[in-house]
Amino acid sequence: MNILPVLLSLAAVPAHQYNFLNLLLPLWLAIPGRINARSFSRYSGWNERTLRRYFQAALPWHALHLTLVKLLVRCKAIVPRFILVMDASFIPKSGTKTSGLGAFWNSCAGRSETGLELSCIALMTWFGHHCFPISIRQTRPKKEKADRLTQYLDQLRALFRPHRAWLKEFAPILVADGQYAKKPFFDLCRAEGIAFVTKLAVNANVLMPFTGEHPKKRGRKQKWENS
């Protein structure tokens, strides 16, 4: 059985995108060598200009990815217990005309370099060591858009907005590295009712205000809880 038409139907993809993706995805796996609109045109019979127009339109990738995970859960192929993980990947690029080209942190080199960055949110299973990317966005350079953390927050909000109830039930934990340990991320996770696991900076303020009853004695009242 071909699962692709079933997946596209469950994701409620519009008819024109249904036909495009039903043609595109099998070809993507079959085409040898360089993959671009011209090679797709050569093997599909579609006009190259038509393919470029489809590629310029926004495709519902996160809906397709999450629908696939839900289908696997429904078929009992995987246990529905997940952890949300979020991280960014650097892609070196030597050209000058690529869209989104900018200076991003390359953790392998330990410095900022010119290239592209992709921000990825994935579902990781508690059992079986499976990982399913469900939302991938290209980070825009600072000269084009807001800072990177704001873009990461927008990506996370866009994922929660249509899938809030399902994610809260089956993926109640978000794990990310230290660059995400900022107040807006904690506030968003608290508002969504999920736990946020990260690594705080060495100078992070982790003092909790004292809320108990102050003893009747001389001196200043206690301001912070004892560590």
Protein backbone atom coordinates (compact mmCIF):
# COMPACT_ATOMS: atom_id res chain seq x y z
CA MET A 1 0.00 0.00 0.00
CA ASN A 2 1.31 3.48 -0.89
CA ILE A 3 1.18 5.52 2.30
CA LEU A 4 1.79 8.89 0.61
CA PRO A 5 -1.79 9.52 -0.69
CA VAL A 6 -3.17 8.51 2.72
CA LEU A 7 -0.76 10.89 4.46
CA LEU A 8 -1.60 13.78 2.14
CA SER A 9 -5.33 13.20 2.63
CA LEU A 10 -5.04 13.10 6.45
CA ALA A 11 -3.00 16.32 6.41
CA ALA A 12 -5.83 18.01 4.44
CA VAL A 13 -3.43 19.26 1.76
CA PRO A 14 -5.14 21.35 -0.96
CA ALA A 15 -5.75 19.57 -4.28
CA HIS A 16 -3.06 21.42 -6.27
CA GLN A 17 -0.41 20.74 -3.60
CA TYR A 18 -1.66 17.15 -3.26
CA ASN A 19 -0.90 16.52 -6.95
CA PHE A 20 2.46 18.30 -6.72
CA LEU A 21 3.68 16.45 -3.61
CA ASN A 22 2.37 13.12 -4.89
CA LEU A 23 4.65 13.59 -7.90
CA LEU A 24 7.56 15.33 -6.14
CA LEU A 25 8.32 13.05 -3.19
CA PRO A 26 8.78 9.74 -5.10
CA LEU A 27 10.90 11.55 -7.71
CA TRP A 28 13.05 13.09 -4.97
CA LEU A 29 14.15 9.59 -3.95
CA ALA A 30 14.63 8.33 -7.53
CA ILE A 31 16.47 11.15 -9.30
CA PRO A 32 20.24 10.57 -9.48
CA GLY A 33 22.74 13.41 -9.19
CA ARG A 34 21.86 17.06 -8.74
CA ILE A 35 18.32 17.83 -7.58
CA ASN A 36 16.74 21.08 -8.78
CA ALA A 37 13.74 22.30 -10.78
CA ARG A 38 15.46 21.46 -14.08
CA SER A 39 16.15 17.84 -13.14
CA PHE A 40 12.59 17.46 -11.81
CA SER A 41 11.33 18.81 -15.13
CA ARG A 42 13.45 16.32 -17.08
CA TYR A 43 12.14 13.28 -15.18
CA SER A 44 8.53 14.36 -14.52
CA GLY A 45 7.46 15.95 -17.80
CA TRP A 46 6.28 19.09 -15.98
CA ASN A 47 7.44 22.49 -17.19
CA GLU A 48 10.40 23.86 -15.23
CA ARG A 49 8.67 27.21 -14.75
CA THR A 50 5.62 25.48 -13.26
CA LEU A 51 7.81 23.57 -10.81
CA ARG A 52 9.58 26.76 -9.74
CA ARG A 53 6.21 28.41 -9.00
CA TYR A 54 5.22 25.45 -6.80
CA PHE A 55 8.56 25.59 -4.95
CA GLN A 56 8.07 29.30 -4.22
CA ALA A 57 4.74 28.60 -2.48
CA ALA A 58 4.73 27.61 1.19
CA LEU A 59 4.32 23.85 1.62
CA PRO A 60 2.77 22.36 4.80
CA TRP A 61 5.83 20.31 5.77
CA HIS A 62 5.26 20.42 9.54
CA ALA A 63 1.65 19.23 9.06
CA LEU A 64 2.87 16.32 6.91
CA HIS A 65 5.59 15.33 9.37
CA LEU A 66 3.32 15.46 12.41
CA THR A 67 0.52 13.65 10.54
CA LEU A 68 2.97 10.83 9.78
CA VAL A 69 3.87 10.53 13.48
CA LYS A 70 0.17 10.49 14.44
CA LEU A 71 -0.45 7.78 11.82
CA LEU A 72 2.37 5.65 13.24
CA VAL A 73 0.90 6.10 16.73
CA ARG A 74 -2.56 5.13 15.48
CA CYS A 75 -1.09 1.98 13.86
CA LYS A 76 0.74 1.22 17.14
CA ALA A 77 4.08 1.20 15.30
CA ILE A 78 5.60 3.45 17.98
CA VAL A 79 4.79 4.15 21.64
CA PRO A 80 3.21 7.63 21.92
CA ARG A 81 5.66 9.05 24.47
CA PHE A 82 7.89 11.80 23.07
CA ILE A 83 10.28 14.58 24.03
CA LEU A 84 10.39 17.75 21.97
CA VAL A 85 13.97 18.70 21.06
CA MET A 86 15.09 21.93 19.41
CA ASP A 87 18.45 22.90 17.91
CA ALA A 88 20.00 24.82 15.02
CA SER A 89 22.40 23.46 12.37
CA PHE A 90 24.98 25.45 10.42
CA ILE A 91 25.48 24.83 6.68
CA PRO A 92 28.64 26.30 5.11
CA LYS A 93 28.07 28.11 1.83
CA SER A 94 30.70 29.64 -0.42
CA GLY A 95 28.39 31.44 -2.85
CA THR A 96 27.16 35.02 -2.57
CA LYS A 97 23.69 34.78 -4.19
CA THR A 98 22.08 32.20 -1.89
CA SER A 99 18.94 33.40 -0.10
CA GLY A 100 19.41 33.79 3.65
CA LEU A 101 23.20 33.94 3.55
CA GLY A 102 24.65 35.48 6.70
CA ALA A 103 26.97 35.07 9.67
CA PHE A 104 25.89 32.21 11.96
CA TRP A 105 27.54 30.31 14.77
CA ASN A 106 29.36 27.17 13.63
CA SER A 107 29.81 24.99 16.72
CA CYS A 108 32.21 22.64 14.88
CA ALA A 109 34.62 25.51 14.22
CA GLY A 110 33.84 27.33 17.47
CA ARG A 111 33.21 30.68 15.73
CA SER A 112 30.75 32.54 13.52
CA GLU A 113 31.07 31.86 9.80
CA THR A 114 29.28 32.81 6.61
CA GLY A 115 26.65 30.29 5.58
CA LEU A 116 23.07 29.19 6.25
CA GLU A 117 21.30 28.06 9.40
CA LEU A 118 18.36 25.69 9.82
CA SER A 119 16.34 25.60 13.03
CA CYS A 120 14.82 22.17 13.67
CA ILE A 121 12.18 20.94 16.14
CA ALA A 122 11.87 17.16 16.38
CA LEU A 123 9.99 14.52 18.33
CA MET A 124 12.23 11.97 20.04
CA THR A 125 10.70 8.76 21.37
CA TRP A 126 11.36 7.63 24.93
CA PHE A 127 11.78 4.07 23.65
CA GLY A 128 13.41 2.85 20.44
CA HIS A 129 15.66 5.88 19.85
CA HIS A 130 13.50 7.23 17.00
CA CYS A 131 13.64 10.91 16.01
CA PHE A 132 11.07 12.61 13.77
CA PRO A 133 11.76 16.19 12.55
CA ILE A 134 8.42 18.00 12.47
CA SER A 135 9.34 21.66 11.92
CA ILE A 136 12.37 22.99 10.02
CA ARG A 137 12.89 26.67 9.21
CA GLN A 138 15.73 28.59 7.65
CA THR A 139 17.00 31.29 9.99
CA ARG A 140 17.12 34.67 8.29
CA PRO A 141 20.21 36.86 8.87
CA LYS A 142 19.88 39.77 11.28
CA LYS A 143 19.93 42.35 8.49
CA GLU A 144 16.70 40.84 7.05
CA LYS A 145 14.74 39.97 10.17
CA ALA A 146 14.67 40.05 13.96
CA ASP A 147 17.36 38.34 16.01
CA ARG A 148 17.67 34.55 15.96
CA LEU A 149 15.99 33.89 19.32
CA THR A 150 12.87 35.78 18.20
CA GLN A 151 12.74 33.62 15.06
CA TYR A 152 13.10 30.45 17.16
CA LEU A 153 10.23 31.60 19.38
CA ASP A 154 8.03 32.32 16.35
CA GLN A 155 8.76 28.83 15.02
CA LEU A 156 7.83 27.25 18.36
CA ARG A 157 4.60 29.27 18.60
CA ALA A 158 3.65 28.34 15.02
CA LEU A 159 4.05 24.66 15.90
CA PHE A 160 2.03 24.86 19.12
CA ARG A 161 -0.81 26.91 17.67
CA PRO A 162 -2.53 24.12 15.65
CA HIS A 163 -1.20 21.13 17.61
CA ARG A 164 -1.28 22.38 21.21
CA ALA A 165 -3.51 19.68 22.71
CA TRP A 166 -1.70 16.76 21.04
CA LEU A 167 1.79 18.00 21.94
CA LYS A 168 0.82 18.72 25.55
CA GLU A 169 -0.50 15.16 25.92
CA PHE A 170 2.24 13.20 24.16
CA ALA A 171 5.30 15.51 24.27
CA PRO A 172 5.16 17.37 27.62
CA ILE A 173 8.90 18.19 27.72
CA LEU A 174 11.03 20.50 25.56
CA VAL A 175 14.81 19.98 25.61
CA ALA A 176 17.23 22.55 24.16
CA ASP A 177 20.81 23.67 24.75
CA GLY A 178 22.04 26.71 26.64
CA GLN A 179 21.45 29.31 23.92
CA TYR A 180 17.68 28.88 24.42
CA ALA A 181 17.90 29.43 28.21
CA LYS A 182 16.20 32.83 28.04
CA LYS A 183 13.13 34.15 29.84
CA PRO A 184 10.84 34.25 26.73
CA PHE A 185 11.35 30.48 26.23
CA PHE A 186 10.56 29.74 29.88
CA ASP A 187 7.48 31.97 29.69
CA LEU A 188 6.25 30.28 26.48
CA CYS A 189 6.71 26.76 27.88
CA ARG A 190 4.96 27.75 31.13
CA ALA A 191 2.05 29.19 29.15
CA GLU A 192 1.81 25.99 27.05
CA GLY A 193 1.94 23.79 30.16
CA ILE A 194 5.10 21.88 29.24
CA ALA A 195 8.43 21.47 31.05
CA PHE A 196 11.55 23.14 29.66
CA VAL A 197 14.89 21.36 30.17
CA THR A 198 18.03 23.36 29.33
CA LYS A 199 21.41 24.41 30.68
CA LEU A 200 21.64 27.76 32.43
CA ALA A 201 24.62 30.08 32.16
CA VAL A 202 27.14 30.06 35.03
CA ASN A 203 25.99 33.55 36.07
CA ALA A 204 22.25 32.78 35.90
CA ASN A 205 20.10 34.27 38.66
CA VAL A 206 18.42 31.26 40.28
CA LEU A 207 17.44 32.94 43.56
CA MET A 208 13.81 32.49 44.63
CA PRO A 209 12.03 35.24 46.60
CA PHE A 210 11.25 34.32 50.21
CA THR A 211 7.49 33.87 50.70
CA GLY A 212 7.39 32.48 54.23
CA GLU A 213 6.69 34.22 57.51
CA HIS A 214 9.50 36.43 58.74
CA PRO A 215 10.68 35.67 62.31
CA LYS A 216 10.31 38.46 64.86
CA LYS A 217 13.92 39.45 65.42
CA ARG A 218 16.19 42.39 64.90
CA GLY A 219 17.79 42.96 61.52
CA ARG A 220 16.77 42.99 57.91
CA LYS A 221 13.95 40.71 56.75
CA GLN A 222 14.90 37.65 54.67
CA LYS A 223 14.65 38.44 50.95
CA TRP A 224 15.62 35.12 49.27
CA GLU A 225 14.93 31.46 49.97
CA ASN A 226 17.82 29.47 51.41
CA SER A 227 19.63 27.47 48.71
